[in-house]
């Protein structure tokens, strides 16, 4: 029997609303998804990384009207001018980009919803209550806060700080309340389904409080997917949007290739979401899939918010910062590194220009970049840019290799737990240990002693047999390990380092180096050409921040 095909690691971001251009809160999720999927690719696993845009609903319709264009024209404009380009800006390696206005989505959604209706999971009814257009969500009275100032006497959405609207409509409803016990059993049997633990506790409390049936249609506007058995209604935008994770990989497709894609990819391994949309993904979405008889995703992971002035970053509150405002100055690698290391993934975190600048200089420029430059410069100075044959490894070399092995082991566990910050912290122990190794071994002094030994310039043949070769080859091996481990996090710098080490010719492309191979030294062959290129992270002047 042939071996079964390896399981695909399928990870999704939320699909982002096209009511405005992306800010760094959106970029934060996308970069996290990219780092995790790149790490799994580095393990040489099959990977599918999906992102995209949510283009239906009242919020998009109103934004388009305010700009005197149709909703489709608005969505097309924003997707092409902002949402797709930002993926390139962030260096994201997504496999697919789904738009909810694409026929591959709309047709499959209609097939899905028709199936639920046929099964008796949907019925006609009426709804009256508060609705937040910003969230595109029906709110419970207990979810709302009292307004102050200009909103005195009104009930506000706690996320958008704006008054909710009171709706009274004839709608279609999904029998979500029937799935309360099954959902609780799911959370109990599979604690990994909702992560981190704080998110799981929130969802448990919400579902234990009792579920209501969900209104899944609107009949007061027409920007949405028509209900197939009653085209006077359009599908509730969240019921539409959640299905993208399955329609994008072939759910309800008539195409045999798409059917095979669905069989090979579904269920999703991880849905990354912001904590404000956790309930949709951890309650409504699994109930929908249960009703359809489809396998459930393995994990819904809710990360925290990026905060500005103590509030969630938001275009509506004018606290959104475009990714390019940071990347144009620091570069995409620094953006990725900073947001993935400085904020514990799963918790809220505040963005600070000052902290980013300080970390860039201390950790990237002085810590990592300078290390790479020093090693290449010394190989160039003492061995003409050709890696020598190392002598026997002593205790210091063995200890550094052990640091690499421990870093790989700890980083692997952290990635599987989606603790991206911990993974980077683990990798950085090798950066710090290699810098310390050079400081303690003082290869420049070893070379000076060799020079003083016979009163001439260092003799490359003699040095090759001595301590200097061992030290520099060991440092180069640590850099080779770091190139592999940091490739998912800082891909441009890692690739530049790989090229500086001359590793591609003897070892192959950086992308095909397995993660576990980073734990072993003695891989770079003697005779490899090492070159000192441009600094991986050049020193920068402090950025001038408009409005700061």
Protein backbone atom coordinates (compact mmCIF):
# COMPACT_ATOMS: atom_id res chain seq x y z
CA UNK A 1 0.00 0.00 0.00
CA UNK A 2 1.40 3.43 -0.89
CA UNK A 3 1.82 5.87 1.96
CA UNK A 4 -1.14 8.20 2.51
CA UNK A 5 -0.65 11.73 1.26
CA UNK A 6 0.50 14.04 4.05
CA UNK A 7 -2.24 16.12 5.61
CA UNK A 8 -2.53 19.68 4.33
CA UNK A 9 -2.00 22.42 6.86
CA UNK A 10 -4.86 24.77 5.94
CA UNK A 11 -4.86 28.18 7.63
CA UNK A 12 -7.15 31.15 7.03
CA UNK A 13 -7.31 34.80 7.99
CA UNK A 14 -10.69 36.45 8.39
CA UNK A 15 -11.87 37.89 5.12
CA UNK A 16 -11.60 41.63 5.53
CA UNK A 17 -14.33 44.20 4.96
CA UNK A 18 -13.78 46.41 1.92
CA UNK A 19 -15.39 49.47 3.45
CA UNK A 20 -11.91 51.02 3.70
CA UNK A 21 -8.21 50.40 3.10
CA UNK A 22 -6.26 48.04 5.39
CA UNK A 23 -4.54 49.29 8.54
CA UNK A 24 -1.88 47.58 10.64
CA UNK A 25 -4.54 45.75 12.66
CA UNK A 26 -5.46 43.83 9.50
CA UNK A 27 -1.78 43.46 8.61
CA UNK A 28 -1.08 41.99 12.05
CA UNK A 29 -3.42 39.06 11.38
CA UNK A 30 -2.10 38.52 7.86
CA UNK A 31 1.54 38.52 8.98
CA UNK A 32 0.77 36.06 11.78
CA UNK A 33 -0.89 33.77 9.27
CA UNK A 34 2.03 34.11 6.90
CA UNK A 35 4.64 33.37 9.58
CA UNK A 36 2.83 30.23 10.72
CA UNK A 37 2.22 28.91 7.21
CA UNK A 38 5.79 29.70 6.14
CA UNK A 39 7.02 27.74 9.16
CA UNK A 40 4.93 24.74 8.12
CA UNK A 41 6.27 25.08 4.57
CA UNK A 42 9.78 25.12 6.06
CA UNK A 43 8.87 21.77 7.63
CA UNK A 44 8.25 20.64 4.03
CA UNK A 45 4.54 20.07 4.72
CA UNK A 46 1.75 20.71 2.18
CA UNK A 47 0.22 24.08 3.08
CA UNK A 48 -2.76 26.15 1.94
CA UNK A 49 -3.02 29.75 3.11
CA UNK A 50 -6.26 31.61 2.34
CA UNK A 51 -7.10 35.26 2.76
CA UNK A 52 -9.57 37.55 1.00
CA UNK A 53 -12.29 40.15 1.24
CA UNK A 54 -15.86 40.32 2.54
CA UNK A 55 -17.77 42.48 0.07
CA UNK A 56 -21.47 42.21 0.92
CA UNK A 57 -23.58 43.76 3.65
CA UNK A 58 -25.00 47.08 4.70
CA UNK A 59 -21.70 48.63 5.78
CA UNK A 60 -20.12 48.17 2.35
CA UNK A 61 -23.30 49.34 0.62
CA UNK A 62 -23.43 52.55 2.64
CA UNK A 63 -19.74 53.28 2.08
CA UNK A 64 -20.20 52.84 -1.67
CA UNK A 65 -23.23 55.14 -1.67
CA UNK A 66 -21.27 57.78 0.23
CA UNK A 67 -18.66 57.64 -2.55
CA UNK A 68 -21.24 57.76 -5.37
CA UNK A 69 -20.40 54.35 -6.82
CA UNK A 70 -22.07 50.96 -6.81
CA UNK A 71 -21.04 48.46 -4.11
CA UNK A 72 -19.40 46.26 -6.75
CA UNK A 73 -17.42 49.19 -8.15
CA UNK A 74 -16.32 50.15 -4.66
CA UNK A 75 -15.24 46.60 -3.84
CA UNK A 76 -13.36 46.22 -7.11
CA UNK A 77 -11.55 49.51 -6.54
CA UNK A 78 -10.53 48.75 -2.96
CA UNK A 79 -9.45 45.17 -3.66
CA UNK A 80 -7.21 46.12 -6.56
CA UNK A 81 -5.82 49.36 -5.13
CA UNK A 82 -5.39 48.39 -1.48
CA UNK A 83 -6.14 44.86 -0.31
CA UNK A 84 -4.17 42.84 -2.86
CA UNK A 85 -1.20 45.25 -2.93
CA UNK A 86 -0.82 45.14 0.85
CA UNK A 87 -0.08 41.42 0.63
CA UNK A 88 2.97 42.24 -1.47
CA UNK A 89 3.93 45.03 0.91
CA UNK A 90 3.83 42.59 3.83
CA UNK A 91 5.66 39.84 1.90
CA UNK A 92 2.72 37.48 2.43
CA UNK A 93 2.85 34.16 0.59
CA UNK A 94 -0.87 33.36 0.40
CA UNK A 95 -2.06 30.58 -1.90
CA UNK A 96 -5.49 32.01 -2.66
CA UNK A 97 -7.49 35.22 -2.36
CA UNK A 98 -11.25 34.75 -2.08
CA UNK A 99 -13.76 37.51 -2.81
CA UNK A 100 -17.34 36.96 -1.66
CA UNK A 101 -18.64 38.49 -4.89
CA UNK A 102 -16.94 35.81 -7.01
CA UNK A 103 -19.29 33.24 -8.61
CA UNK A 104 -17.23 30.40 -7.10
CA UNK A 105 -18.38 31.71 -3.72
CA UNK A 106 -21.89 33.01 -4.36
CA UNK A 107 -23.06 29.91 -6.26
CA UNK A 108 -21.67 27.52 -3.64
CA UNK A 109 -23.19 29.55 -0.81
CA UNK A 110 -26.59 29.29 -2.45
CA UNK A 111 -26.18 25.52 -2.76
CA UNK A 112 -25.24 25.28 0.91
CA UNK A 113 -28.12 27.42 2.16
CA UNK A 114 -30.62 25.61 -0.05
CA UNK A 115 -29.46 22.31 1.44
CA UNK A 116 -30.04 23.60 4.99
CA UNK A 117 -33.50 24.86 4.01
CA UNK A 118 -34.37 21.50 2.47
CA UNK A 119 -33.27 19.77 5.67
CA UNK A 120 -35.58 21.95 7.74
CA UNK A 121 -32.79 23.87 9.46
CA UNK A 122 -34.18 27.25 8.30
CA UNK A 123 -37.63 28.75 8.84
CA UNK A 124 -39.43 32.07 8.28
CA UNK A 125 -39.95 34.42 11.22
CA UNK A 126 -39.66 38.01 12.36
CA UNK A 127 -36.92 39.92 14.13
CA UNK A 128 -36.98 43.08 16.18
CA UNK A 129 -33.98 44.36 18.07
CA UNK A 130 -30.69 46.27 17.98
CA UNK A 131 -28.22 45.91 15.10
CA UNK A 132 -24.69 47.33 14.70
CA UNK A 133 -23.91 48.02 11.06
CA UNK A 134 -20.20 48.35 11.89
CA UNK A 135 -20.11 44.82 13.31
CA UNK A 136 -22.83 43.62 10.92
CA UNK A 137 -24.24 41.91 14.00
CA UNK A 138 -27.52 41.63 15.84
CA UNK A 139 -26.84 42.65 19.44
CA UNK A 140 -28.29 41.43 22.68
CA UNK A 141 -29.37 44.19 25.10
CA UNK A 142 -26.67 43.08 27.52
CA UNK A 143 -24.00 43.64 24.86
CA UNK A 144 -24.67 47.39 24.65
CA UNK A 145 -23.26 50.33 26.60
CA UNK A 146 -24.83 53.65 27.53
CA UNK A 147 -23.91 56.61 25.38
CA UNK A 148 -22.47 59.85 26.72
CA UNK A 149 -21.95 63.31 25.26
CA UNK A 150 -23.51 63.57 21.81
CA UNK A 151 -24.89 60.04 22.25
CA UNK A 152 -26.44 60.66 25.67
CA UNK A 153 -29.53 58.51 26.15
CA UNK A 154 -28.67 56.11 23.33
CA UNK A 155 -27.37 52.55 23.38
CA UNK A 156 -23.97 52.05 21.76
CA UNK A 157 -21.97 49.19 20.32
CA UNK A 158 -19.05 48.69 22.74
CA UNK A 159 -16.63 48.04 19.85
CA UNK A 160 -17.51 50.95 17.56
CA UNK A 161 -18.82 53.39 20.23
CA UNK A 162 -21.69 54.32 17.93
CA UNK A 163 -25.46 53.98 18.36
CA UNK A 164 -27.04 50.74 17.25
CA UNK A 165 -30.03 50.73 14.91
CA UNK A 166 -33.36 49.14 15.83
CA UNK A 167 -34.52 46.66 13.20
CA UNK A 168 -37.95 45.16 12.68
CA UNK A 169 -37.99 42.74 9.75
CA UNK A 170 -39.52 39.56 8.41
CA UNK A 171 -36.52 37.25 8.05
CA UNK A 172 -35.43 33.66 7.72
CA UNK A 173 -33.90 32.03 10.77
CA UNK A 174 -31.32 29.28 11.30
CA UNK A 175 -32.17 26.89 14.15
CA UNK A 176 -28.97 27.63 16.02
CA UNK A 177 -30.50 27.06 19.45
CA UNK A 178 -30.81 23.37 18.59
CA UNK A 179 -27.01 23.11 18.58
CA UNK A 180 -26.31 24.44 22.07
CA UNK A 181 -25.68 21.04 23.67
CA UNK A 182 -23.63 19.80 20.72
CA UNK A 183 -21.47 22.90 20.86
CA UNK A 184 -20.86 22.51 24.57
CA UNK A 185 -19.94 18.87 23.99
CA UNK A 186 -17.51 20.00 21.27
CA UNK A 187 -15.77 22.48 23.57
CA UNK A 188 -15.54 19.83 26.28
CA UNK A 189 -14.18 17.07 24.05
CA UNK A 190 -11.87 19.33 22.06
CA UNK A 191 -10.48 22.14 24.20
CA UNK A 192 -8.14 22.97 21.33
CA UNK A 193 -11.13 24.02 19.20
CA UNK A 194 -11.17 27.52 20.73
CA UNK A 195 -7.85 29.07 21.72
CA UNK A 196 -6.37 30.68 23.72
CA UNK A 197 -7.91 29.62 27.05
CA UNK A 198 -9.36 33.08 27.69
CA UNK A 199 -11.24 32.91 24.39
CA UNK A 200 -12.49 29.42 25.15
CA UNK A 201 -13.81 30.55 28.53
CA UNK A 202 -15.65 33.46 26.92
CA UNK A 203 -17.32 31.20 24.34
CA UNK A 204 -18.27 28.63 26.97
CA UNK A 205 -19.93 31.27 29.12
CA UNK A 206 -21.79 32.70 26.14
CA UNK A 207 -23.17 29.37 24.94
CA UNK A 208 -24.05 28.19 28.45
CA UNK A 209 -26.10 31.39 28.77
CA UNK A 210 -28.42 30.06 26.07
CA UNK A 211 -28.49 30.37 22.28
CA UNK A 212 -31.18 32.01 20.22
CA UNK A 213 -32.06 31.14 16.66
CA UNK A 214 -30.16 33.32 14.21
CA UNK A 215 -31.73 35.71 11.70
CA UNK A 216 -29.92 34.92 8.45
CA UNK A 217 -31.59 37.18 5.90
CA UNK A 218 -32.33 40.85 5.23
CA UNK A 219 -35.08 42.26 3.01
CA UNK A 220 -34.53 46.01 3.40
CA UNK A 221 -31.59 46.19 0.94
CA UNK A 222 -30.32 44.04 -1.91
CA UNK A 223 -26.50 44.08 -1.65
CA UNK A 224 -25.93 40.43 -0.83
CA UNK A 225 -26.40 36.88 -2.08
CA UNK A 226 -30.08 36.25 -2.90
CA UNK A 227 -31.85 33.56 -0.89
CA UNK A 228 -32.46 30.91 -3.60
CA UNK A 229 -36.06 30.09 -2.63
CA UNK A 230 -37.02 33.74 -1.92
CA UNK A 231 -35.03 36.31 -3.89
CA UNK A 232 -36.71 39.21 -2.07
CA UNK A 233 -34.23 38.41 0.71
CA UNK A 234 -30.41 38.47 0.72
CA UNK A 235 -28.32 36.31 2.99
CA UNK A 236 -27.06 37.78 6.27
CA UNK A 237 -23.50 38.88 5.58
CA UNK A 238 -21.90 36.72 8.29
CA UNK A 239 -23.64 33.55 7.11
CA UNK A 240 -22.31 34.42 3.67
CA UNK A 241 -18.79 35.36 4.83
CA UNK A 242 -18.10 32.39 7.09
CA UNK A 243 -18.66 30.00 4.22
CA UNK A 244 -15.68 31.42 2.33
CA UNK A 245 -13.35 29.09 4.22
CA UNK A 246 -15.07 26.11 2.63
CA UNK A 247 -16.20 27.51 -0.74
CA UNK A 248 -12.64 28.66 -1.53
CA UNK A 249 -11.40 25.07 -1.44
CA UNK A 250 -14.26 23.56 -3.38
CA UNK A 251 -17.32 23.04 -1.15
CA UNK A 252 -20.41 22.19 -3.22
CA UNK A 253 -18.47 22.46 -6.48
CA UNK A 254 -19.45 20.41 -9.54
CA UNK A 255 -15.82 20.46 -10.76
CA UNK A 256 -14.02 17.14 -10.00
CA UNK A 257 -10.75 18.98 -9.44
CA UNK A 258 -12.39 21.27 -6.90
CA UNK A 259 -14.06 18.31 -5.23
CA UNK A 260 -10.64 16.66 -4.90
CA UNK A 261 -9.24 19.91 -3.53
CA UNK A 262 -11.93 20.00 -0.86
CA UNK A 263 -11.30 16.37 0.10
CA UNK A 264 -7.56 17.04 0.41
CA UNK A 265 -7.81 20.36 2.27
CA UNK A 266 -10.91 20.43 4.47
CA UNK A 267 -11.29 20.69 7.42
CA UNK A 268 -9.26 23.81 8.11
CA UNK A 269 -6.38 23.43 10.53
CA UNK A 270 -6.58 26.95 11.95
CA UNK A 271 -8.90 29.94 11.56
CA UNK A 272 -7.05 33.04 12.79
CA UNK A 273 -9.52 35.72 13.92
CA UNK A 274 -9.59 38.90 15.95
CA UNK A 275 -11.26 38.47 19.32
CA UNK A 276 -14.13 40.79 18.32
CA UNK A 277 -15.35 38.21 15.78
CA UNK A 278 -14.73 35.15 17.95
CA UNK A 279 -18.40 34.27 18.55
CA UNK A 280 -19.17 34.15 14.83
CA UNK A 281 -16.36 31.65 14.29
CA UNK A 282 -16.60 29.60 17.47
CA UNK A 283 -20.42 29.43 17.77
CA UNK A 284 -22.25 30.21 14.52
CA UNK A 285 -19.72 28.62 12.16
CA UNK A 286 -19.48 25.19 13.83
CA UNK A 287 -23.28 25.12 14.20
CA UNK A 288 -23.62 25.76 10.47
CA UNK A 289 -21.21 22.95 9.69
CA UNK A 290 -22.94 20.58 12.11
CA UNK A 291 -26.26 21.31 10.41
CA UNK A 292 -24.71 20.54 7.03
CA UNK A 293 -23.01 17.35 8.26
CA UNK A 294 -19.52 18.67 7.44
CA UNK A 295 -16.29 18.17 9.43
CA UNK A 296 -15.37 20.99 11.79
CA UNK A 297 -12.17 23.03 11.70
CA UNK A 298 -9.59 21.97 14.24
CA UNK A 299 -8.84 25.32 15.89
CA UNK A 300 -10.28 28.81 16.01
CA UNK A 301 -7.58 31.06 17.46
CA UNK A 302 -8.56 34.56 18.60
CA UNK A 303 -5.68 36.99 18.82
CA UNK A 304 -5.79 40.29 20.67
CA UNK A 305 -6.15 43.82 19.36
CA UNK A 306 -3.54 46.36 18.43
CA UNK A 307 -4.26 49.37 20.60
CA UNK A 308 -3.75 53.08 19.98
CA UNK A 309 -4.30 55.32 22.96
CA UNK A 310 -5.82 52.37 24.80
CA UNK A 311 -8.43 51.72 22.08
CA UNK A 312 -8.68 49.13 19.33
CA UNK A 313 -7.18 50.36 16.08
CA UNK A 314 -10.00 51.45 13.83
CA UNK A 315 -10.58 53.45 10.67
CA UNK A 316 -13.92 54.67 12.03
CA UNK A 317 -12.12 56.21 15.03
CA UNK A 318 -9.32 57.61 12.85
CA UNK A 319 -6.73 55.51 14.68
CA UNK A 320 -5.83 53.34 11.71
CA UNK A 321 -2.19 53.35 10.57
CA UNK A 322 -1.41 52.10 7.06
CA UNK A 323 1.23 49.34 6.97
CA UNK A 324 3.20 51.34 4.41
CA UNK A 325 3.71 54.14 6.94
CA UNK A 326 5.92 51.74 8.90
CA UNK A 327 7.30 49.56 6.12
CA UNK A 328 8.46 52.45 3.95
CA UNK A 329 10.87 53.37 6.75
CA UNK A 330 11.77 50.11 8.53
CA UNK A 331 11.11 47.52 5.80
CA UNK A 332 8.74 44.56 5.75
CA UNK A 333 11.08 42.26 7.71
CA UNK A 334 11.25 44.67 10.63
CA UNK A 335 7.45 45.12 10.55
CA UNK A 336 6.93 41.36 10.64
CA UNK A 337 9.53 40.79 13.34
CA UNK A 338 8.33 43.59 15.60
CA UNK A 339 4.63 42.78 15.65
CA UNK A 340 5.22 39.06 16.00
CA UNK A 341 7.76 39.38 18.85
CA UNK A 342 6.76 42.50 20.77
CA UNK A 343 3.15 41.40 21.36
CA UNK A 344 2.23 38.09 23.00
CA UNK A 345 0.06 36.44 20.35
CA UNK A 346 -3.41 36.03 21.79
CA UNK A 347 -3.24 39.16 23.96
CA UNK A 348 -3.81 42.85 23.29
CA UNK A 349 -0.75 44.95 22.59
CA UNK A 350 -0.01 48.63 22.08
CA UNK A 351 1.95 49.81 19.09
CA UNK A 352 4.75 52.31 19.75
CA UNK A 353 7.00 53.96 17.16
CA UNK A 354 9.62 54.41 19.87
CA UNK A 355 9.58 50.75 20.85
CA UNK A 356 9.77 49.65 17.21
CA UNK A 357 12.75 51.94 16.59
CA UNK A 358 14.52 50.76 19.75
CA UNK A 359 13.98 47.08 18.94
CA UNK A 360 15.05 47.59 15.33
CA UNK A 361 18.35 49.08 16.41
CA UNK A 362 19.07 46.81 19.37
CA UNK A 363 17.79 43.45 18.13
CA UNK A 364 17.84 43.57 14.34
CA UNK A 365 20.63 46.01 13.42
CA UNK A 366 23.03 45.47 16.33
CA UNK A 367 22.04 41.95 17.36
CA UNK A 368 21.35 39.96 14.20
CA UNK A 369 22.52 42.14 11.33
CA UNK A 370 25.84 43.02 12.91
CA UNK A 371 26.49 39.38 13.73
CA UNK A 372 26.09 38.38 10.09
CA UNK A 373 28.34 41.23 8.94
CA UNK A 374 31.09 40.43 11.45
CA UNK A 375 31.31 36.76 10.54
CA UNK A 376 31.36 37.41 6.79
CA UNK A 377 33.95 40.16 7.23
CA UNK A 378 36.27 37.91 9.23
CA UNK A 379 35.98 35.02 6.77
CA UNK A 380 36.81 37.54 4.06
CA UNK A 381 39.74 39.05 5.94
CA UNK A 382 41.39 35.87 7.16
CA UNK A 383 40.45 33.32 4.50
CA UNK A 384 39.81 35.36 1.37
CA UNK A 385 36.06 34.73 1.62
CA UNK A 386 36.38 30.95 1.47
CA UNK A 387 35.07 28.92 4.40
CA UNK A 388 37.98 26.96 5.91
CA UNK A 389 38.06 23.43 7.25
CA UNK A 390 37.18 23.55 10.94
CA UNK A 391 39.26 21.85 13.56
CA UNK A 392 37.76 19.64 16.25
CA UNK A 393 34.84 21.10 18.16
CA UNK A 394 35.51 21.92 21.77
CA UNK A 395 33.12 22.53 24.67
CA UNK A 396 32.25 26.07 23.48
CA UNK A 397 31.29 24.81 20.00
CA UNK A 398 29.30 21.92 21.41
CA UNK A 399 27.46 24.28 23.75
CA UNK A 400 26.50 26.59 20.85
CA UNK A 401 25.20 23.67 18.81
CA UNK A 402 23.17 22.62 21.83
CA UNK A 403 21.65 26.11 21.96
CA UNK A 404 20.61 25.67 18.32
CA UNK A 405 19.01 22.29 19.08
CA UNK A 406 17.11 23.69 22.06
CA UNK A 407 16.00 26.71 20.02
CA UNK A 408 14.57 24.47 17.30
CA UNK A 409 12.76 22.24 19.76
CA UNK A 410 11.26 25.14 21.71
CA UNK A 411 10.31 27.10 18.57
CA UNK A 412 8.60 24.08 17.04
CA UNK A 413 6.44 23.61 20.14
CA UNK A 414 5.63 27.32 20.24
CA UNK A 415 4.52 27.41 16.60
CA UNK A 416 2.23 24.42 17.16
CA UNK A 417 0.70 26.32 20.10
CA UNK A 418 0.45 29.48 17.91
CA UNK A 419 2.68 31.26 20.42
CA UNK A 420 4.55 33.08 17.67
CA UNK A 421 6.26 35.47 20.09
CA UNK A 422 7.65 32.53 22.06
CA UNK A 423 8.94 30.91 18.87
CA UNK A 424 10.89 34.05 17.98
CA UNK A 425 12.18 34.38 21.53
CA UNK A 426 13.48 30.82 21.27
CA UNK A 427 15.21 31.47 17.95
CA UNK A 428 16.75 34.65 19.32
CA UNK A 429 18.56 32.68 22.00
CA UNK A 430 20.81 31.49 19.17
CA UNK A 431 21.45 35.07 18.00
CA UNK A 432 22.45 36.09 21.52
CA UNK A 433 24.48 32.93 22.15
CA UNK A 434 26.43 33.33 18.89
CA UNK A 435 27.26 36.94 19.68
CA UNK A 436 28.41 35.84 23.13
CA UNK A 437 30.41 32.99 21.60
CA UNK A 438 32.36 35.41 19.39
CA UNK A 439 32.88 37.79 22.29
CA UNK A 440 34.32 35.01 24.44
CA UNK A 441 36.36 33.25 21.73
CA UNK A 442 37.76 36.55 20.37
CA UNK A 443 38.71 35.31 16.87
CA UNK A 444 40.36 38.66 16.10
CA UNK A 445 42.78 38.06 18.98
CA UNK A 446 43.46 34.52 17.77
CA UNK A 447 44.40 35.96 14.38
CA UNK A 448 46.57 38.62 16.02
CA UNK A 449 48.42 35.97 18.02
CA UNK A 450 49.02 34.04 14.81
CA UNK A 451 50.44 37.16 13.22
CA UNK A 452 52.69 37.82 16.18
CA UNK A 453 53.84 34.20 16.12
CA UNK A 454 56.01 34.66 13.02
CA UNK A 455 55.93 38.43 12.59
CA UNK A 456 54.06 38.31 9.29
CA UNK A 457 50.47 38.45 8.15
CA UNK A 458 48.39 35.44 9.21
CA UNK A 459 49.26 32.33 7.24
CA UNK A 460 46.02 30.88 5.88
CA UNK A 461 47.39 27.34 5.77
CA UNK A 462 48.47 27.44 9.39
CA UNK A 463 45.31 29.19 10.58
CA UNK A 464 43.17 26.63 8.77
CA UNK A 465 44.50 23.96 11.07
CA UNK A 466 43.97 26.06 14.15
CA UNK A 467 41.48 27.66 16.41
CA UNK A 468 40.44 30.56 14.18
CA UNK A 469 38.95 28.26 11.54
CA UNK A 470 36.93 26.40 14.14
CA UNK A 471 35.50 29.57 15.62
CA UNK A 472 34.51 31.15 12.30
CA UNK A 473 33.05 27.96 10.84
CA UNK A 474 31.00 27.45 14.01
CA UNK A 475 29.70 31.01 13.80
CA UNK A 476 28.84 30.49 10.11
CA UNK A 477 26.95 27.31 11.02
CA UNK A 478 24.94 29.24 13.62
CA UNK A 479 24.09 31.79 10.93
CA UNK A 480 23.02 29.00 8.58
CA UNK A 481 20.68 27.74 11.31
CA UNK A 482 19.33 31.25 11.84
CA UNK A 483 18.68 31.70 8.12
CA UNK A 484 16.44 28.61 8.19
CA UNK A 485 14.68 29.50 11.43
CA UNK A 486 14.12 33.16 10.57
CA UNK A 487 13.04 32.55 6.99
CA UNK A 488 9.35 32.41 8.01
CA UNK A 489 9.70 35.61 10.06
CA UNK A 490 12.12 37.83 8.15
CA UNK A 491 12.18 36.21 4.70
CA UNK A 492 14.14 38.91 2.87
CA UNK A 493 16.92 39.11 5.46
CA UNK A 494 17.09 35.32 5.76
CA UNK A 495 17.43 34.94 2.00
CA UNK A 496 20.13 37.61 1.88
CA UNK A 497 22.00 35.79 4.67
CA UNK A 498 21.67 32.47 2.84
CA UNK A 499 23.22 34.06 -0.23
CA UNK A 500 25.97 35.70 1.84
CA UNK A 501 26.89 32.30 3.28
CA UNK A 502 27.08 30.84 -0.23
CA UNK A 503 24.76 28.09 0.97
CA UNK A 504 22.51 27.72 -2.06
CA UNK A 505 25.02 25.99 -4.34
CA UNK A 506 26.00 23.19 -1.95
CA UNK A 507 22.71 22.89 -0.02
CA UNK A 508 19.91 24.08 -2.31
CA UNK A 509 17.27 26.78 -1.91
CA UNK A 510 16.56 28.13 1.55
CA UNK A 511 12.88 27.20 1.23
CA UNK A 512 13.69 23.48 1.02
CA UNK A 513 15.81 23.39 4.17
CA UNK A 514 13.86 21.46 6.83
CA UNK A 515 13.44 23.14 10.21
CA UNK A 516 14.90 20.22 12.12
CA UNK A 517 18.07 20.51 10.03
CA UNK A 518 18.75 23.83 11.71
CA UNK A 519 19.59 21.97 14.91
CA UNK A 520 22.73 20.39 13.43
CA UNK A 521 26.09 22.02 12.75
CA UNK A 522 28.74 20.82 10.29
CA UNK A 523 26.51 21.23 7.23
CA UNK A 524 28.28 23.99 5.27
CA UNK A 525 31.19 22.37 3.38
CA UNK A 526 34.71 23.77 3.50
CA UNK A 527 35.44 25.78 0.38
CA UNK A 528 32.05 27.52 0.36
CA UNK A 529 32.34 31.13 -0.76
CA UNK A 530 31.20 33.63 1.88
CA UNK A 531 30.60 37.23 0.86
CA UNK A 532 29.86 40.33 2.89
CA UNK A 533 26.89 41.99 1.24
CA UNK A 534 24.82 44.95 2.29
CA UNK A 535 23.83 45.11 5.94
CA UNK A 536 20.75 43.02 6.65
CA UNK A 537 19.33 45.80 8.86
CA UNK A 538 21.15 49.10 8.28
CA UNK A 539 21.10 51.73 10.97
CA UNK A 540 18.21 54.16 10.49
CA UNK A 541 17.44 57.65 11.62
CA UNK A 542 14.39 57.92 13.85
CA UNK A 543 11.27 58.20 11.67
CA UNK A 544 9.37 61.43 11.36
CA UNK A 545 5.80 60.50 12.27
CA UNK A 546 3.11 62.79 10.90
CA UNK A 547 0.88 64.01 13.69
CA UNK A 548 3.05 62.54 16.42
